[in-house]
Amino acid sequence: MRYRVSELAEKCNVNKETIRYYEKIGLLSEPSRTDSGYRVYSNDTVNRINFIKRMQDLGFSLTEINKLLGIVDKDSDRCRDMYDFVSQKVNDVQDKIRDLKRIEHMLMNLKECCPDEKSLHECPIIETLMNRK
């Protein structure tokens, strides 16, 4: 199947400018063109855009996705390289979760400082934050 850019955008549920941007930064290769100059894309491009979107949903940046696609596109050691890359992302996510839990704990402690009298001029939360070193 062959798609023009607007058809591809609709099929992949992305904006046409997104497709052009992906081409510009190297996530998609330059498409073939019709005799009249229209860009045409294959099902492989649909699969590639779907891969990009799934990876974004998992929290990967476009820079990371570009590296992942480099792994996907190469023939040797791609399973091991993908495993290593995903393992590192798991570690990054676990670090973020620890940081978020620490922030949550700090905010809960601040919340506990408040007598829940919203009409007070002197806010215990602000006072606590201003006096922290």
Protein backbone atom coordinates (compact mmCIF):
# COMPACT_ATOMS: atom_id res chain seq x y z
CA MET A 1 0.00 0.00 0.00
CA ARG A 2 1.22 3.52 -0.76
CA TYR A 3 0.14 6.64 1.08
CA ARG A 4 0.45 10.35 0.45
CA VAL A 5 1.51 12.41 3.45
CA SER A 6 -2.05 13.38 4.41
CA GLU A 7 -3.21 9.74 4.17
CA LEU A 8 -0.23 8.59 6.21
CA ALA A 9 -0.88 11.25 8.85
CA GLU A 10 -4.50 10.15 9.14
CA LYS A 11 -3.61 6.45 9.26
CA CYS A 12 -1.01 7.01 12.01
CA ASN A 13 -3.06 9.63 13.85
CA VAL A 14 -0.32 12.27 13.64
CA ASN A 15 -0.04 15.69 12.02
CA LYS A 16 1.49 16.05 8.55
CA GLU A 17 4.07 18.39 10.08
CA THR A 18 5.04 15.63 12.51
CA ILE A 19 5.89 13.38 9.57
CA ARG A 20 7.95 16.12 7.94
CA TYR A 21 9.71 16.76 11.26
CA TYR A 22 10.50 13.05 11.67
CA GLU A 23 12.05 13.12 8.19
CA LYS A 24 14.03 16.26 9.00
CA ILE A 25 15.58 14.74 12.16
CA GLY A 26 16.24 11.37 10.53
CA LEU A 27 13.60 9.19 12.19
CA LEU A 28 12.08 8.56 8.77
CA SER A 29 13.99 8.26 5.53
CA GLU A 30 13.22 10.46 2.57
CA PRO A 31 10.15 8.99 0.85
CA SER A 32 9.89 8.16 -2.80
CA ARG A 33 8.00 10.60 -4.98
CA THR A 34 5.46 10.31 -7.74
CA ASP A 35 6.19 11.74 -11.18
CA SER A 36 4.28 14.85 -10.13
CA GLY A 37 6.44 15.24 -7.00
CA TYR A 38 4.06 13.97 -4.30
CA ARG A 39 5.68 12.09 -1.46
CA VAL A 40 4.53 8.49 -1.15
CA TYR A 41 5.03 6.25 1.84
CA SER A 42 4.84 2.50 2.33
CA ASN A 43 3.43 0.27 5.07
CA ASP A 44 6.97 0.14 6.48
CA THR A 45 6.66 3.86 7.24
CA VAL A 46 3.32 3.24 8.96
CA ASN A 47 4.99 0.59 11.13
CA ARG A 48 7.92 2.88 11.88
CA ILE A 49 5.69 5.79 12.94
CA ASN A 50 3.63 3.43 15.11
CA PHE A 51 6.88 2.24 16.72
CA ILE A 52 7.93 5.85 17.37
CA LYS A 53 4.56 6.68 18.94
CA ARG A 54 4.61 3.56 21.14
CA MET A 55 8.11 4.40 22.35
CA GLN A 56 7.02 7.97 23.14
CA ASP A 57 4.12 6.53 25.14
CA LEU A 58 6.69 4.57 27.14
CA GLY A 59 8.55 7.78 27.98
CA PHE A 60 11.36 7.66 25.43
CA SER A 61 12.51 10.99 24.00
CA LEU A 62 12.92 11.46 20.24
CA THR A 63 16.69 11.39 20.74
CA GLU A 64 16.42 8.04 22.50
CA ILE A 65 14.02 6.77 19.83
CA ASN A 66 16.52 7.78 17.16
CA LYS A 67 19.14 5.63 18.92
CA LEU A 68 16.63 2.79 19.24
CA LEU A 69 15.83 2.97 15.55
CA GLY A 70 19.56 2.72 14.88
CA ILE A 71 19.44 -0.56 16.79
CA VAL A 72 16.29 -1.70 14.97
CA ASP A 73 17.83 -0.91 11.59
CA LYS A 74 21.06 -2.77 12.12
CA ASP A 75 21.36 -6.48 11.43
CA SER A 76 23.74 -7.84 14.07
CA ASP A 77 23.40 -7.79 17.85
CA ARG A 78 20.14 -5.93 17.70
CA CYS A 79 18.40 -8.00 20.38
CA ARG A 80 21.24 -7.57 22.88
CA ASP A 81 21.56 -3.86 22.10
CA MET A 82 17.81 -3.35 22.49
CA TYR A 83 17.85 -5.24 25.80
CA ASP A 84 20.67 -3.05 27.10
CA PHE A 85 18.93 0.12 25.98
CA VAL A 86 15.60 -0.84 27.55
CA SER A 87 17.35 -1.97 30.73
CA GLN A 88 18.94 1.46 31.06
CA LYS A 89 15.53 3.09 30.55
CA VAL A 90 14.09 0.89 33.33
CA ASN A 91 16.84 2.17 35.64
CA ASP A 92 16.08 5.77 34.64
CA VAL A 93 12.36 5.29 35.32
CA GLN A 94 13.09 3.70 38.71
CA ASP A 95 15.30 6.70 39.60
CA LYS A 96 12.46 9.07 38.64
CA ILE A 97 9.99 7.07 40.73
CA ARG A 98 12.32 7.33 43.75
CA ASP A 99 12.64 11.09 43.19
CA LEU A 100 8.87 11.49 42.87
CA LYS A 101 8.29 9.49 46.06
CA ARG A 102 10.80 11.70 47.88
CA ILE A 103 9.01 14.81 46.60
CA GLU A 104 5.65 13.36 47.60
CA HIS A 105 6.95 12.69 51.12
CA MET A 106 8.30 16.25 51.40
CA LEU A 107 4.98 17.70 50.22
CA MET A 108 3.00 15.52 52.61
CA ASN A 109 5.20 16.79 55.47
CA LEU A 110 4.56 20.37 54.38
CA LYS A 111 0.85 19.70 54.19
CA GLU A 112 0.93 18.39 57.77
CA CYS A 113 2.34 21.77 58.93
CA CYS A 114 -0.89 23.47 57.93
CA PRO A 115 -3.68 23.80 60.51
CA ASP A 116 -6.10 23.96 57.55
CA GLU A 117 -7.24 27.44 58.43
CA LYS A 118 -7.07 29.05 55.02
CA SER A 119 -7.87 32.52 56.36
CA LEU A 120 -4.60 32.76 58.32
CA HIS A 121 -2.25 35.50 57.15
CA GLU A 122 0.84 33.62 58.29
CA CYS A 123 1.02 30.39 56.31
CA PRO A 124 2.98 27.61 58.06
CA ILE A 125 3.88 26.06 54.68
CA ILE A 126 5.41 29.30 53.39
CA GLU A 127 7.18 29.89 56.71
CA THR A 128 8.62 26.38 56.64
CA LEU A 129 9.83 26.77 53.06
CA MET A 130 11.32 30.23 53.70
CA ASN A 131 13.24 29.03 56.73
CA ARG A 132 14.59 25.81 55.19
CA LYS A 133 18.27 25.67 54.45
